[in-house]
């Protein structure tokens, strides 16, 4: 007996399952990227291979760096960069407390000490006026963070580092596509580390990359990212490759796959457009919220700084809003508006207080921002209607608080 074929409904996406919930971030993946992933699956080569090589070459061209190495995460990139410059237990690395804890974790995991300087409240980046006072004979490197995509004044910072003979490892997790005086972050300086996490300005799902102009450092990084082996798998398993290799140093594994690179190739091609959409949405936020007393809008920088706007993170003025930041985030969630928290200052976490003696009050500018900051929804496919929902929700909560 014949049977009619069963018709299966198209499965819902994660975002459709969220109903009316508006997340603070959402990746924008093109049909071309999806097809590239399908083609990769069908090709028979899904681990590190030709698409990774293409992605790295394209990224090298985009950022203007001669050497680019893709990795599983920006965290891996920061760790390997510090390892490659020879960071040793007891060394010190100067960085900022207003960052994701990975920035400090990689320093501590190598047995070194994260030495913190407070932020400049006008940029949310590390205060360059405080750096030289924190340099000691144990200082090995400076690790600035380009907060939210607003670059640190690297011309000035690189001069400080050069004067003291220090390496500079830029935590550029927020800053792919950001510019300083018209130059891409990654095209000048010492070492830059980018993130391609799903919430970032461009994504490979998870992933990151290191850019550098130092050939010898790039060679060491290439070995450190794959078991200390002296040649990549693509050179060993291709028709022309040799299966014989040498292990020249003990190392772990941080290589990305062609599946990730398949997404990244197309994300990179669209990056200028994706950033342009972010900037247009930020301009609209600034226009709609610029005169509202309950928020202090995030810094944009002057004309020297090309801000890529990974996040839009204003600060809540509690006395005007009628509630603190955490309460506002909870109330927004009740109205189906997602937010992010970037960041609680890292020196307030127990492990850094226990290990290095940091205490509340040590970095007052970072703490003042960290107590009030929240990230509002911002992503390239966000519509004006989505944005109006956020603005209307803020206005509603403000009105209710003032009239309760």
Protein backbone atom coordinates (compact mmCIF):
# COMPACT_ATOMS: atom_id res chain seq x y z
CA UNK A 1 0.00 0.00 0.00
CA UNK A 2 1.43 3.35 -1.00
CA UNK A 3 1.84 6.09 1.55
CA UNK A 4 1.98 9.80 1.03
CA UNK A 5 5.42 11.20 1.89
CA UNK A 6 5.54 12.81 5.28
CA UNK A 7 5.95 16.56 5.16
CA UNK A 8 8.26 17.87 7.88
CA UNK A 9 7.98 21.53 8.84
CA UNK A 10 11.11 23.59 8.54
CA UNK A 11 12.82 23.62 11.95
CA UNK A 12 12.81 26.92 13.76
CA UNK A 13 16.02 28.80 14.26
CA UNK A 14 17.26 29.62 17.74
CA UNK A 15 16.13 33.21 17.29
CA UNK A 16 12.62 32.21 16.17
CA UNK A 17 12.32 30.11 19.31
CA UNK A 18 12.98 33.24 21.37
CA UNK A 19 9.66 34.72 20.29
CA UNK A 20 9.66 38.48 20.64
CA UNK A 21 12.92 38.56 22.61
CA UNK A 22 15.44 40.99 21.12
CA UNK A 23 19.01 39.85 21.90
CA UNK A 24 21.80 42.32 22.50
CA UNK A 25 23.76 40.68 19.66
CA UNK A 26 23.03 38.43 16.70
CA UNK A 27 25.41 37.23 13.96
CA UNK A 28 24.75 38.23 10.37
CA UNK A 29 25.58 35.22 8.17
CA UNK A 30 25.11 35.52 4.41
CA UNK A 31 23.74 32.83 2.11
CA UNK A 32 27.13 32.84 0.39
CA UNK A 33 28.81 31.93 3.69
CA UNK A 34 26.28 29.16 4.30
CA UNK A 35 26.93 27.77 0.82
CA UNK A 36 30.69 27.97 1.43
CA UNK A 37 30.24 25.82 4.56
CA UNK A 38 28.19 23.30 2.56
CA UNK A 39 30.83 23.21 -0.17
CA UNK A 40 33.50 22.69 2.48
CA UNK A 41 31.60 19.75 3.97
CA UNK A 42 31.25 18.19 0.55
CA UNK A 43 34.90 18.77 -0.32
CA UNK A 44 36.16 16.13 2.10
CA UNK A 45 38.57 18.57 3.78
CA UNK A 46 37.03 20.15 6.86
CA UNK A 47 39.96 20.70 9.23
CA UNK A 48 42.77 23.23 8.72
CA UNK A 49 43.38 23.43 4.99
CA UNK A 50 42.98 25.57 1.87
CA UNK A 51 40.13 27.71 3.20
CA UNK A 52 42.12 28.60 6.31
CA UNK A 53 45.03 29.57 4.06
CA UNK A 54 42.71 31.77 1.99
CA UNK A 55 41.14 33.34 5.08
CA UNK A 56 44.56 34.21 6.53
CA UNK A 57 45.72 35.69 3.21
CA UNK A 58 42.54 37.77 2.92
CA UNK A 59 42.84 38.91 6.53
CA UNK A 60 46.49 39.86 5.98
CA UNK A 61 45.43 42.06 3.07
CA UNK A 62 42.54 43.62 4.97
CA UNK A 63 44.45 44.61 8.11
CA UNK A 64 47.68 45.37 6.26
CA UNK A 65 49.90 42.97 8.25
CA UNK A 66 52.43 40.70 6.54
CA UNK A 67 51.88 37.83 8.97
CA UNK A 68 48.44 36.65 10.14
CA UNK A 69 47.72 33.42 12.01
CA UNK A 70 44.19 32.23 12.70
CA UNK A 71 43.42 30.56 16.04
CA UNK A 72 40.61 29.02 18.05
CA UNK A 73 40.04 32.22 20.02
CA UNK A 74 41.48 35.61 20.88
CA UNK A 75 42.26 34.13 24.29
CA UNK A 76 44.53 31.58 22.60
CA UNK A 77 46.06 34.41 20.59
CA UNK A 78 46.88 36.47 23.66
CA UNK A 79 48.28 33.44 25.48
CA UNK A 80 50.48 32.32 22.58
CA UNK A 81 51.68 35.86 21.90
CA UNK A 82 52.85 36.23 25.49
CA UNK A 83 54.40 32.77 25.37
CA UNK A 84 56.15 33.60 22.09
CA UNK A 85 57.77 36.77 23.46
CA UNK A 86 59.19 34.69 26.31
CA UNK A 87 56.97 35.71 29.24
CA UNK A 88 58.19 33.93 32.36
CA UNK A 89 56.83 33.35 35.87
CA UNK A 90 57.44 36.47 37.93
CA UNK A 91 57.31 38.82 34.92
CA UNK A 92 54.75 41.63 34.78
CA UNK A 93 52.35 42.75 32.05
CA UNK A 94 50.58 46.11 32.27
CA UNK A 95 46.91 46.11 31.27
CA UNK A 96 43.48 47.49 32.14
CA UNK A 97 40.88 46.34 34.68
CA UNK A 98 37.95 47.21 32.36
CA UNK A 99 38.10 44.17 30.11
CA UNK A 100 36.90 40.60 29.79
CA UNK A 101 38.78 38.50 32.31
CA UNK A 102 40.58 36.57 29.54
CA UNK A 103 42.98 39.51 29.23
CA UNK A 104 44.19 38.95 32.79
CA UNK A 105 43.78 35.18 32.74
CA UNK A 106 46.36 34.59 30.02
CA UNK A 107 48.95 36.59 31.98
CA UNK A 108 48.26 34.72 35.22
CA UNK A 109 48.17 31.32 33.50
CA UNK A 110 51.76 31.89 32.38
CA UNK A 111 52.79 32.63 35.97
CA UNK A 112 53.16 36.37 35.43
CA UNK A 113 51.44 39.27 37.19
CA UNK A 114 48.79 41.47 35.58
CA UNK A 115 49.71 45.01 36.65
CA UNK A 116 46.67 47.23 36.24
CA UNK A 117 46.30 50.90 35.43
CA UNK A 118 43.01 52.72 35.72
CA UNK A 119 41.01 53.82 32.70
CA UNK A 120 40.52 57.24 31.17
CA UNK A 121 36.80 57.94 31.79
CA UNK A 122 36.65 59.85 28.49
CA UNK A 123 37.58 56.76 26.43
CA UNK A 124 37.13 53.72 28.75
CA UNK A 125 40.62 52.69 27.56
CA UNK A 126 43.68 52.49 29.81
CA UNK A 127 44.94 55.86 31.00
CA UNK A 128 48.24 56.36 29.20
CA UNK A 129 49.30 59.00 31.74
CA UNK A 130 49.53 56.28 34.40
CA UNK A 131 51.56 53.67 32.52
CA UNK A 132 55.14 54.79 33.13
CA UNK A 133 54.61 54.90 36.89
CA UNK A 134 53.71 51.19 36.77
CA UNK A 135 56.76 50.06 34.80
CA UNK A 136 59.31 48.11 36.86
CA UNK A 137 62.37 45.97 36.02
CA UNK A 138 59.97 43.00 35.90
CA UNK A 139 57.73 44.53 33.22
CA UNK A 140 57.85 42.48 30.02
CA UNK A 141 54.95 43.87 27.98
CA UNK A 142 52.00 46.23 27.81
CA UNK A 143 48.60 44.83 26.81
CA UNK A 144 46.14 47.61 25.86
CA UNK A 145 42.48 46.82 25.13
CA UNK A 146 40.60 48.73 22.42
CA UNK A 147 37.38 48.93 24.41
CA UNK A 148 34.18 48.51 22.36
CA UNK A 149 36.18 49.15 19.17
CA UNK A 150 37.51 52.61 20.11
CA UNK A 151 41.29 52.41 19.56
CA UNK A 152 43.82 53.28 22.21
CA UNK A 153 46.18 56.06 21.08
CA UNK A 154 48.74 53.53 19.90
CA UNK A 155 51.12 56.12 18.47
CA UNK A 156 51.66 57.46 21.96
CA UNK A 157 51.64 54.06 23.66
CA UNK A 158 54.14 52.55 21.21
CA UNK A 159 56.53 55.43 21.92
CA UNK A 160 56.29 54.70 25.66
CA UNK A 161 56.94 51.01 25.06
CA UNK A 162 59.86 51.66 22.72
CA UNK A 163 61.46 54.04 25.22
CA UNK A 164 61.37 51.30 27.89
CA UNK A 165 62.20 48.38 25.59
CA UNK A 166 58.82 46.66 26.08
CA UNK A 167 56.69 44.50 23.77
CA UNK A 168 53.09 45.58 23.05
CA UNK A 169 50.41 42.91 22.64
CA UNK A 170 47.18 44.66 21.64
CA UNK A 171 43.98 42.99 22.82
CA UNK A 172 42.07 43.96 19.68
CA UNK A 173 39.20 41.54 20.35
CA UNK A 174 36.74 44.42 19.83
CA UNK A 175 38.68 46.22 17.12
CA UNK A 176 38.69 44.40 13.78
CA UNK A 177 38.00 47.18 11.28
CA UNK A 178 38.84 49.99 13.70
CA UNK A 179 41.30 52.64 12.50
CA UNK A 180 43.68 55.20 13.97
CA UNK A 181 44.54 58.17 11.76
CA UNK A 182 43.21 56.23 8.78
CA UNK A 183 45.33 53.12 9.46
CA UNK A 184 43.76 49.76 10.22
CA UNK A 185 44.41 48.35 13.69
CA UNK A 186 46.76 45.54 12.72
CA UNK A 187 48.68 47.49 10.07
CA UNK A 188 51.22 49.02 12.45
CA UNK A 189 52.74 48.38 15.85
CA UNK A 190 53.95 45.14 17.41
CA UNK A 191 51.26 42.44 17.78
CA UNK A 192 47.46 42.58 17.53
CA UNK A 193 45.01 39.87 18.56
CA UNK A 194 41.47 39.81 17.12
CA UNK A 195 38.36 37.89 18.14
CA UNK A 196 35.79 36.28 15.84
CA UNK A 197 33.40 35.09 18.54
CA UNK A 198 29.72 34.98 17.55
CA UNK A 199 29.01 38.34 19.24
CA UNK A 200 31.91 40.17 17.59
CA UNK A 201 31.90 42.56 14.62
CA UNK A 202 32.68 39.61 12.34
CA UNK A 203 32.59 35.95 13.28
CA UNK A 204 33.81 32.46 12.52
CA UNK A 205 31.55 31.07 15.25
CA UNK A 206 34.48 30.87 17.61
CA UNK A 207 37.94 31.95 16.59
CA UNK A 208 40.56 34.65 16.53
CA UNK A 209 43.75 35.76 14.81
CA UNK A 210 47.15 37.28 15.47
CA UNK A 211 48.63 39.97 13.22
CA UNK A 212 52.29 40.95 13.39
CA UNK A 213 55.12 42.44 11.36
CA UNK A 214 57.72 40.34 13.22
CA UNK A 215 58.72 37.43 10.95
CA UNK A 216 60.58 35.49 13.65
CA UNK A 217 57.70 35.87 16.08
CA UNK A 218 55.24 34.70 13.41
CA UNK A 219 57.34 31.58 12.80
CA UNK A 220 57.34 30.77 16.52
CA UNK A 221 53.60 31.37 16.77
CA UNK A 222 52.95 29.01 13.86
CA UNK A 223 54.76 26.25 15.75
CA UNK A 224 53.14 27.02 19.09
CA UNK A 225 49.59 26.84 17.71
CA UNK A 226 49.98 23.20 16.56
CA UNK A 227 51.80 20.83 18.93
CA UNK A 228 55.26 22.31 18.26
CA UNK A 229 55.32 20.60 14.85
CA UNK A 230 57.53 22.26 12.27
CA UNK A 231 54.99 22.23 9.41
CA UNK A 232 51.19 22.49 9.07
CA UNK A 233 48.92 19.52 8.43
CA UNK A 234 48.03 20.81 4.97
CA UNK A 235 51.70 20.42 4.00
CA UNK A 236 51.82 16.91 5.43
CA UNK A 237 48.61 15.36 4.13
CA UNK A 238 48.35 16.93 0.67
CA UNK A 239 49.57 15.05 -2.40
CA UNK A 240 52.88 16.89 -2.42
CA UNK A 241 53.43 16.80 1.32
CA UNK A 242 55.60 14.55 3.47
CA UNK A 243 54.27 12.74 6.52
CA UNK A 244 57.62 13.12 8.27
CA UNK A 245 57.96 16.09 10.63
CA UNK A 246 59.89 17.30 13.63
CA UNK A 247 58.59 18.55 16.98
CA UNK A 248 60.79 21.48 17.89
CA UNK A 249 59.11 22.59 21.14
CA UNK A 250 56.34 21.30 23.43
CA UNK A 251 53.08 23.09 22.55
CA UNK A 252 49.31 22.77 22.54
CA UNK A 253 46.72 23.02 19.73
CA UNK A 254 44.90 26.18 18.67
CA UNK A 255 44.27 25.88 14.94
CA UNK A 256 40.89 26.66 13.37
CA UNK A 257 39.08 24.54 10.77
CA UNK A 258 38.17 25.13 7.15
CA UNK A 259 34.53 25.10 8.29
CA UNK A 260 35.21 28.17 10.42
CA UNK A 261 37.28 29.79 7.69
CA UNK A 262 34.43 29.22 5.23
CA UNK A 263 32.31 31.58 7.33
CA UNK A 264 35.19 33.99 7.96
CA UNK A 265 36.05 34.43 4.27
CA UNK A 266 32.61 35.87 3.58
CA UNK A 267 32.36 37.76 6.86
CA UNK A 268 35.59 39.55 5.99
CA UNK A 269 34.34 40.45 2.52
CA UNK A 270 31.26 42.02 4.12
CA UNK A 271 33.06 43.62 7.06
CA UNK A 272 33.03 47.20 5.83
CA UNK A 273 29.29 46.90 5.19
CA UNK A 274 28.67 45.29 8.59
CA UNK A 275 30.58 48.06 10.36
CA UNK A 276 28.76 50.69 8.31
CA UNK A 277 25.43 49.32 9.51
CA UNK A 278 26.65 49.36 13.11
CA UNK A 279 27.78 52.97 12.79
CA UNK A 280 24.43 54.03 11.31
CA UNK A 281 22.58 52.39 14.20
CA UNK A 282 24.90 54.04 16.72
CA UNK A 283 24.28 57.43 15.13
CA UNK A 284 20.54 56.81 15.51
CA UNK A 285 20.98 55.80 19.17
CA UNK A 286 22.98 58.97 19.73
CA UNK A 287 20.31 61.08 18.05
CA UNK A 288 17.42 59.50 19.99
CA UNK A 289 19.13 59.13 23.39
CA UNK A 290 21.66 61.96 23.38
CA UNK A 291 19.54 64.32 25.47
CA UNK A 292 18.09 61.75 27.84
CA UNK A 293 19.20 62.41 31.44
CA UNK A 294 19.10 58.78 32.52
CA UNK A 295 21.99 57.65 30.27
CA UNK A 296 25.54 58.80 29.64
CA UNK A 297 26.37 57.72 26.09
CA UNK A 298 29.65 55.91 25.38
CA UNK A 299 32.67 57.78 24.01
CA UNK A 300 33.12 58.00 20.25
CA UNK A 301 36.60 59.48 20.10
CA UNK A 302 37.74 62.40 17.96
CA UNK A 303 38.34 62.37 14.20
CA UNK A 304 41.59 60.42 14.59
CA UNK A 305 39.70 57.34 15.76
CA UNK A 306 37.67 55.11 13.44
CA UNK A 307 35.35 53.36 15.91
CA UNK A 308 34.01 49.97 14.73
CA UNK A 309 31.32 49.81 17.47
CA UNK A 310 31.51 46.19 18.54
CA UNK A 311 29.15 47.20 21.36
CA UNK A 312 27.11 50.26 22.25
CA UNK A 313 27.55 50.56 26.00
CA UNK A 314 26.10 53.61 27.76
CA UNK A 315 26.16 54.14 31.52
CA UNK A 316 23.00 54.33 33.63
CA UNK A 317 22.54 57.47 35.70
CA UNK A 318 20.80 55.86 38.65
CA UNK A 319 19.47 59.03 40.27
CA UNK A 320 17.79 60.07 37.02
CA UNK A 321 16.69 56.60 35.92
CA UNK A 322 15.15 55.80 39.28
CA UNK A 323 16.88 52.39 39.41
CA UNK A 324 20.39 50.97 39.26
CA UNK A 325 21.96 49.25 36.25
CA UNK A 326 21.18 45.69 37.33
CA UNK A 327 17.54 46.52 38.01
CA UNK A 328 17.26 48.22 34.63
CA UNK A 329 18.70 45.16 32.88
CA UNK A 330 16.16 42.96 34.68
CA UNK A 331 13.27 45.24 33.76
CA UNK A 332 14.39 45.40 30.13
CA UNK A 333 14.49 41.61 30.00
CA UNK A 334 10.92 41.54 31.27
CA UNK A 335 10.10 43.71 28.25
CA UNK A 336 11.88 41.20 25.97
CA UNK A 337 14.96 43.41 25.48
CA UNK A 338 18.31 41.70 25.92
CA UNK A 339 21.38 43.50 27.21
CA UNK A 340 25.03 42.73 27.85
CA UNK A 341 27.36 43.60 30.71
CA UNK A 342 30.79 44.73 29.47
CA UNK A 343 32.36 44.66 32.04
CA UNK A 344 32.65 44.27 35.76
CA UNK A 345 36.24 45.39 36.48
CA UNK A 346 38.41 42.30 36.55
CA UNK A 347 40.30 43.22 39.74
CA UNK A 348 37.07 42.72 41.70
CA UNK A 349 36.99 38.98 40.97
CA UNK A 350 38.05 36.88 43.95
CA UNK A 351 40.93 35.09 42.22
CA UNK A 352 42.69 38.38 41.44
CA UNK A 353 42.09 39.73 44.90
CA UNK A 354 43.42 36.49 46.41
CA UNK A 355 46.44 36.16 44.11
CA UNK A 356 47.55 39.78 43.72
CA UNK A 357 45.91 41.69 46.56
CA UNK A 358 43.67 43.90 44.45
CA UNK A 359 40.81 45.51 46.34
CA UNK A 360 37.71 47.63 45.68
CA UNK A 361 38.75 51.26 45.37
CA UNK A 362 42.07 50.50 43.66
CA UNK A 363 40.84 51.71 40.25
CA UNK A 364 38.01 54.15 40.89
CA UNK A 365 37.41 55.24 37.29
CA UNK A 366 37.00 51.64 36.08
CA UNK A 367 34.76 50.85 39.04
CA UNK A 368 32.56 53.90 38.42
CA UNK A 369 31.99 52.78 34.83
CA UNK A 370 31.73 49.07 35.70
CA UNK A 371 28.91 49.72 38.18
CA UNK A 372 26.80 51.60 35.61
CA UNK A 373 27.60 50.23 32.15
CA UNK A 374 25.31 48.06 30.05
CA UNK A 375 25.34 47.08 26.38
CA UNK A 376 22.18 47.80 24.42
CA UNK A 377 21.19 45.67 21.41
CA UNK A 378 23.39 46.36 18.39
CA UNK A 379 23.89 44.12 15.37
CA UNK A 380 23.93 44.64 11.57
CA UNK A 381 20.52 43.10 10.87
CA UNK A 382 18.84 45.17 13.58
CA UNK A 383 15.97 47.20 12.12
CA UNK A 384 14.83 50.67 13.08
CA UNK A 385 11.77 48.95 14.50
CA UNK A 386 13.99 46.82 16.73
CA UNK A 387 15.87 49.90 17.83
CA UNK A 388 12.66 51.79 18.54
CA UNK A 389 11.60 48.93 20.82
CA UNK A 390 14.77 49.46 22.87
CA UNK A 391 14.30 53.23 23.03
CA UNK A 392 10.59 52.94 23.84
CA UNK A 393 11.34 50.44 26.61
CA UNK A 394 13.88 52.78 28.16
CA UNK A 395 11.46 55.70 27.96
CA UNK A 396 8.66 53.63 29.48
CA UNK A 397 10.77 52.51 32.43
CA UNK A 398 12.05 56.04 32.98
CA UNK A 399 8.50 57.43 32.93
CA UNK A 400 7.24 54.75 35.31
CA UNK A 401 10.08 55.31 37.76
CA UNK A 402 9.59 59.06 37.77
CA UNK A 403 5.84 58.77 38.31
CA UNK A 404 5.74 55.95 40.84
